[in-house]
Amino acid sequence: MATQITPIKGKATEEQIKKLKSEVEGKLFEIHADGYYGYLKMPNRSVMSMATIPGTSLVRKTEIILQNCWLTGDEEIQERDDLFYGLGMQIDKLIEAKEASVKKL
């Protein structure tokens, strides 16, 4: 994405967040880890298909989602293991699904 963010550990201003929202289809997520910020779009089916192959570790799932959904922010989140692992524990919050039901007819 072309949107530039503030240099303070990746934290975007309200104006920058509005611009990011207009650039992505779907939801925008702000991630925060130990004072560092990043912005991700919601993973689509293609990304989720890659990330949820049976046997895929949490680390690999997190890498796939970050590589495909990262928009902008402080790269420390992706580079430092402690920040990355913290995000891995929250990665499922990026997946939003509506409730559905099935009715036998």
Protein backbone atom coordinates (compact mmCIF):
# COMPACT_ATOMS: atom_id res chain seq x y z
CA MET A 1 0.00 0.00 0.00
CA ALA A 2 1.13 3.54 -0.65
CA THR A 3 -0.21 5.01 2.61
CA GLN A 4 2.62 6.30 4.78
CA ILE A 5 2.27 6.22 8.53
CA THR A 6 3.74 8.16 11.40
CA PRO A 7 7.25 7.15 12.41
CA ILE A 8 6.29 6.52 16.05
CA LYS A 9 6.37 2.73 16.09
CA GLY A 10 3.91 2.52 13.22
CA LYS A 11 0.91 4.22 14.86
CA ALA A 12 -1.40 5.73 12.23
CA THR A 13 -3.39 8.93 12.66
CA GLU A 14 -7.18 8.95 12.29
CA GLU A 15 -6.77 10.45 8.80
CA GLN A 16 -4.36 7.70 7.79
CA ILE A 17 -6.72 5.04 9.15
CA LYS A 18 -9.58 6.48 7.07
CA LYS A 19 -7.36 6.35 4.00
CA LEU A 20 -6.35 2.76 4.70
CA LYS A 21 -10.00 1.75 5.12
CA SER A 22 -10.80 3.25 1.74
CA GLU A 23 -7.94 1.30 0.12
CA VAL A 24 -8.99 -2.16 1.32
CA GLU A 25 -12.03 -4.27 0.76
CA GLY A 26 -13.41 -5.58 4.01
CA LYS A 27 -12.25 -4.88 7.52
CA LEU A 28 -9.11 -3.11 8.69
CA PHE A 29 -7.34 -4.31 11.82
CA GLU A 30 -4.83 -2.50 14.00
CA ILE A 31 -2.38 -4.78 15.74
CA HIS A 32 -0.46 -3.66 18.76
CA ALA A 33 2.49 -5.44 20.34
CA ASP A 34 4.63 -3.89 23.07
CA GLY A 35 4.21 -0.35 21.75
CA TYR A 36 4.52 -1.25 18.05
CA TYR A 37 1.62 -0.96 15.62
CA GLY A 38 0.71 -2.54 12.33
CA TYR A 39 -2.33 -2.60 10.06
CA LEU A 40 -3.78 -5.64 8.35
CA LYS A 41 -6.72 -6.35 6.12
CA MET A 42 -9.00 -9.30 6.77
CA PRO A 43 -7.70 -12.52 5.18
CA ASN A 44 -9.73 -13.70 2.20
CA ARG A 45 -10.57 -17.32 1.38
CA SER A 46 -7.44 -17.79 -0.68
CA VAL A 47 -5.19 -16.69 2.19
CA MET A 48 -7.14 -18.77 4.70
CA SER A 49 -6.89 -21.79 2.43
CA MET A 50 -3.09 -21.47 2.43
CA ALA A 51 -2.92 -20.77 6.17
CA THR A 52 -5.12 -23.63 7.32
CA ILE A 53 -3.70 -26.60 5.44
CA PRO A 54 -3.72 -29.55 7.86
CA GLY A 55 -0.43 -29.75 9.71
CA THR A 56 0.33 -26.03 9.35
CA SER A 57 1.93 -24.73 12.53
CA LEU A 58 0.74 -21.58 14.28
CA VAL A 59 4.01 -19.91 13.31
CA ARG A 60 3.53 -20.72 9.61
CA LYS A 61 -0.15 -19.69 9.74
CA THR A 62 0.84 -16.34 11.25
CA GLU A 63 3.57 -15.85 8.61
CA ILE A 64 1.15 -16.56 5.77
CA ILE A 65 -1.47 -14.15 7.09
CA LEU A 66 1.09 -11.40 7.77
CA GLN A 67 2.69 -11.78 4.34
CA ASN A 68 -0.65 -11.57 2.56
CA CYS A 69 -2.60 -9.12 4.73
CA TRP A 70 0.03 -6.63 5.98
CA LEU A 71 -0.73 -3.11 4.82
CA THR A 72 1.60 -0.86 6.78
CA GLY A 73 3.13 -0.33 10.19
CA ASP A 74 6.34 -0.95 12.07
CA GLU A 75 8.23 -3.85 10.53
CA GLU A 76 9.54 -4.79 13.99
CA ILE A 77 6.30 -6.73 14.47
CA GLN A 78 7.26 -9.06 11.65
CA GLU A 79 10.98 -9.17 12.40
CA ARG A 80 11.21 -9.59 16.18
CA ASP A 81 10.28 -13.05 17.37
CA ASP A 82 8.75 -11.90 20.67
CA LEU A 83 6.38 -9.49 18.90
CA PHE A 84 5.60 -12.03 16.18
CA TYR A 85 4.76 -14.76 18.70
CA GLY A 86 2.45 -12.40 20.58
CA LEU A 87 0.59 -11.68 17.37
CA GLY A 88 0.32 -15.40 16.63
CA MET A 89 -1.74 -15.80 19.78
CA GLN A 90 -4.24 -13.23 18.45
CA ILE A 91 -4.23 -14.06 14.72
CA ASP A 92 -7.62 -15.81 14.77
CA LYS A 93 -9.26 -12.51 15.72
CA LEU A 94 -8.65 -11.37 12.12
CA ILE A 95 -11.09 -13.99 10.89
CA GLU A 96 -14.64 -12.79 11.14
CA ALA A 97 -17.52 -14.99 10.13
CA LYS A 98 -21.26 -14.47 10.21
CA GLU A 99 -23.44 -16.99 11.95
CA ALA A 100 -25.05 -19.45 9.56
CA SER A 101 -27.56 -22.24 9.90
CA VAL A 102 -28.58 -25.33 7.97
CA LYS A 103 -32.12 -26.60 7.70
CA LYS A 104 -33.06 -29.95 6.27
CA LEU A 105 -36.01 -29.60 3.90
